[in-house]
Amino acid sequence: MRQRNKLLIRQPNGIIQTIDEPIKLIIEDPVCRDSKHSYFVQAADSCAFVFKQGLQPNGFMKKHGGNAYFRKRLEPVLCKHASNQDPLGLGVVRI
């Protein structure tokens, strides 16, 4: 997700106009489901796990070098423009 949102708006006269609006608010419904029923939830779970292990690796990950997987696989696809307030420059909002 980016900070800006291009919208296509059809005018009453039929002309389509593009408006570049900043995103001000995100509303999301929580979905409580077992990840075995959704590949998207599984993908989000594994990305969150790899991200956390890249920042705070547990003993197993340190011993076997699994924490380096974050830098190789996940960091190149992060949307680092999502938040410029992240001290590590990864685009993550920490609350």
C-alpha atoms as a PDB file:
ATOM      1  CA  MET A   1       0.000   0.000   0.000  1.00  0.00           C
ATOM      2  CA  ARG A   2       1.275   3.420  -0.878  1.00  0.00           C
ATOM      3  CA  GLN A   3       0.664   6.796   0.739  1.00  0.00           C
ATOM      4  CA  ARG A   4      -1.205   8.121  -2.284  1.00  0.00           C
ATOM      5  CA  ASN A   5      -4.258   6.777  -4.055  1.00  0.00           C
ATOM      6  CA  LYS A   6      -5.055   7.453  -7.716  1.00  0.00           C
ATOM      7  CA  LEU A   7      -8.809   7.559  -8.235  1.00  0.00           C
ATOM      8  CA  LEU A   8     -10.635   7.446 -11.554  1.00  0.00           C
ATOM      9  CA  ILE A   9     -13.781   9.592 -11.336  1.00  0.00           C
ATOM     10  CA  ARG A  10     -16.396   9.735 -14.078  1.00  0.00           C
ATOM     11  CA  GLN A  11     -17.795  13.234 -14.459  1.00  0.00           C
ATOM     12  CA  PRO A  12     -21.513  13.802 -15.281  1.00  0.00           C
ATOM     13  CA  ASN A  13     -20.528  14.653 -18.877  1.00  0.00           C
ATOM     14  CA  GLY A  14     -18.832  11.218 -19.255  1.00  0.00           C
ATOM     15  CA  ILE A  15     -15.218  12.384 -19.041  1.00  0.00           C
ATOM     16  CA  ILE A  16     -13.012  10.295 -16.748  1.00  0.00           C
ATOM     17  CA  GLN A  17     -10.752  12.371 -14.519  1.00  0.00           C
ATOM     18  CA  THR A  18      -7.797  11.102 -12.474  1.00  0.00           C
ATOM     19  CA  ILE A  19      -7.423  12.518  -8.970  1.00  0.00           C
ATOM     20  CA  ASP A  20      -4.383  11.770  -6.803  1.00  0.00           C
ATOM     21  CA  GLU A  21      -5.666  11.768  -3.225  1.00  0.00           C
ATOM     22  CA  PRO A  22      -3.526  11.061  -0.140  1.00  0.00           C
ATOM     23  CA  ILE A  23      -4.688   8.133   1.969  1.00  0.00           C
ATOM     24  CA  LYS A  24      -5.917   9.538   5.289  1.00  0.00           C
ATOM     25  CA  LEU A  25      -7.608   6.574   6.967  1.00  0.00           C
ATOM     26  CA  ILE A  26      -7.604   2.803   6.617  1.00  0.00           C
ATOM     27  CA  ILE A  27     -10.530   0.816   7.935  1.00  0.00           C
ATOM     28  CA  GLU A  28     -10.085  -2.921   8.038  1.00  0.00           C
ATOM     29  CA  ASP A  29     -12.334  -5.615   9.388  1.00  0.00           C
ATOM     30  CA  PRO A  30     -10.530  -8.137  11.582  1.00  0.00           C
ATOM     31  CA  VAL A  31     -10.693 -11.643  10.189  1.00  0.00           C
ATOM     32  CA  CYS A  32     -10.359 -14.435  12.713  1.00  0.00           C
ATOM     33  CA  ARG A  33      -9.730 -17.582  10.731  1.00  0.00           C
ATOM     34  CA  ASP A  34      -7.419 -20.535  10.864  1.00  0.00           C
ATOM     35  CA  SER A  35      -4.576 -20.087   8.392  1.00  0.00           C
ATOM     36  CA  LYS A  36      -5.087 -23.600   7.019  1.00  0.00           C
ATOM     37  CA  HIS A  37      -8.194 -22.261   5.239  1.00  0.00           C
ATOM     38  CA  SER A  38      -6.473 -19.358   3.461  1.00  0.00           C
ATOM     39  CA  TYR A  39      -3.209 -19.155   1.554  1.00  0.00           C
ATOM     40  CA  PHE A  40      -3.241 -15.375   1.962  1.00  0.00           C
ATOM     41  CA  VAL A  41      -3.370 -15.677   5.751  1.00  0.00           C
ATOM     42  CA  GLN A  42      -0.564 -18.262   5.599  1.00  0.00           C
ATOM     43  CA  ALA A  43       1.524 -15.892   3.481  1.00  0.00           C
ATOM     44  CA  ALA A  44       0.913 -13.014   5.906  1.00  0.00           C
ATOM     45  CA  ASP A  45       1.777 -15.256   8.878  1.00  0.00           C
ATOM     46  CA  SER A  46       5.043 -16.410   7.317  1.00  0.00           C
ATOM     47  CA  CYS A  47       6.027 -12.858   6.319  1.00  0.00           C
ATOM     48  CA  ALA A  48       5.337 -11.646   9.862  1.00  0.00           C
ATOM     49  CA  PHE A  49       7.366 -14.540  11.306  1.00  0.00           C
ATOM     50  CA  VAL A  50      10.343 -13.929   9.012  1.00  0.00           C
ATOM     51  CA  PHE A  51      10.174 -10.189   9.674  1.00  0.00           C
ATOM     52  CA  LYS A  52      10.186 -10.685  13.464  1.00  0.00           C
ATOM     53  CA  GLN A  53      13.025 -13.218  13.242  1.00  0.00           C
ATOM     54  CA  GLY A  54      15.017 -10.723  11.185  1.00  0.00           C
ATOM     55  CA  LEU A  55      14.671  -8.148  13.965  1.00  0.00           C
ATOM     56  CA  GLN A  56      14.681 -10.392  17.038  1.00  0.00           C
ATOM     57  CA  PRO A  57      15.935 -13.871  16.092  1.00  0.00           C
ATOM     58  CA  ASN A  58      15.387 -16.718  18.526  1.00  0.00           C
ATOM     59  CA  GLY A  59      18.156 -19.167  19.438  1.00  0.00           C
ATOM     60  CA  PHE A  60      17.339 -21.673  16.705  1.00  0.00           C
ATOM     61  CA  MET A  61      17.377 -19.012  14.000  1.00  0.00           C
ATOM     62  CA  LYS A  62      20.680 -17.592  15.266  1.00  0.00           C
ATOM     63  CA  LYS A  63      22.267 -21.054  15.393  1.00  0.00           C
ATOM     64  CA  HIS A  64      21.194 -22.043  11.886  1.00  0.00           C
ATOM     65  CA  GLY A  65      21.479 -18.616  10.230  1.00  0.00           C
ATOM     66  CA  GLY A  66      17.754 -18.318   9.557  1.00  0.00           C
ATOM     67  CA  ASN A  67      17.692 -14.660  10.535  1.00  0.00           C
ATOM     68  CA  ALA A  68      19.676 -13.862   7.362  1.00  0.00           C
ATOM     69  CA  TYR A  69      16.670 -15.082   5.336  1.00  0.00           C
ATOM     70  CA  PHE A  70      14.941 -11.778   6.104  1.00  0.00           C
ATOM     71  CA  ARG A  71      17.636  -9.735   4.377  1.00  0.00           C
ATOM     72  CA  LYS A  72      17.711 -12.038   1.339  1.00  0.00           C
ATOM     73  CA  ARG A  73      14.011 -12.568   0.701  1.00  0.00           C
ATOM     74  CA  LEU A  74      11.736 -10.150   2.532  1.00  0.00           C
ATOM     75  CA  GLU A  75      13.641  -6.864   2.648  1.00  0.00           C
ATOM     76  CA  PRO A  76      13.849  -6.422  -1.166  1.00  0.00           C
ATOM     77  CA  VAL A  77      10.027  -6.546  -1.491  1.00  0.00           C
ATOM     78  CA  LEU A  78       9.124  -4.308   1.464  1.00  0.00           C
ATOM     79  CA  CYS A  79       7.315  -1.065   0.644  1.00  0.00           C
ATOM     80  CA  LYS A  80       9.838   1.155   2.423  1.00  0.00           C
ATOM     81  CA  HIS A  81       7.913   4.298   1.464  1.00  0.00           C
ATOM     82  CA  ALA A  82       4.971   3.292   3.671  1.00  0.00           C
ATOM     83  CA  SER A  83       6.438   5.097   6.683  1.00  0.00           C
ATOM     84  CA  ASN A  84       9.435   7.399   6.735  1.00  0.00           C
ATOM     85  CA  GLN A  85       9.364   7.436  10.551  1.00  0.00           C
ATOM     86  CA  ASP A  86      10.788   3.906  10.879  1.00  0.00           C
ATOM     87  CA  PRO A  87      14.239   4.172  12.524  1.00  0.00           C
ATOM     88  CA  LEU A  88      15.463   1.133  10.545  1.00  0.00           C
ATOM     89  CA  GLY A  89      14.169   2.510   7.231  1.00  0.00           C
ATOM     90  CA  LEU A  90      11.998  -0.540   6.528  1.00  0.00           C
ATOM     91  CA  GLY A  91       8.709   1.331   6.198  1.00  0.00           C
ATOM     92  CA  VAL A  92       7.133  -0.294   9.253  1.00  0.00           C
ATOM     93  CA  VAL A  93       4.933   1.624  11.669  1.00  0.00           C
ATOM     94  CA  ARG A  94       5.654   0.604  15.245  1.00  0.00           C
ATOM     95  CA  ILE A  95       3.027   1.357  17.880  1.00  0.00           C
END
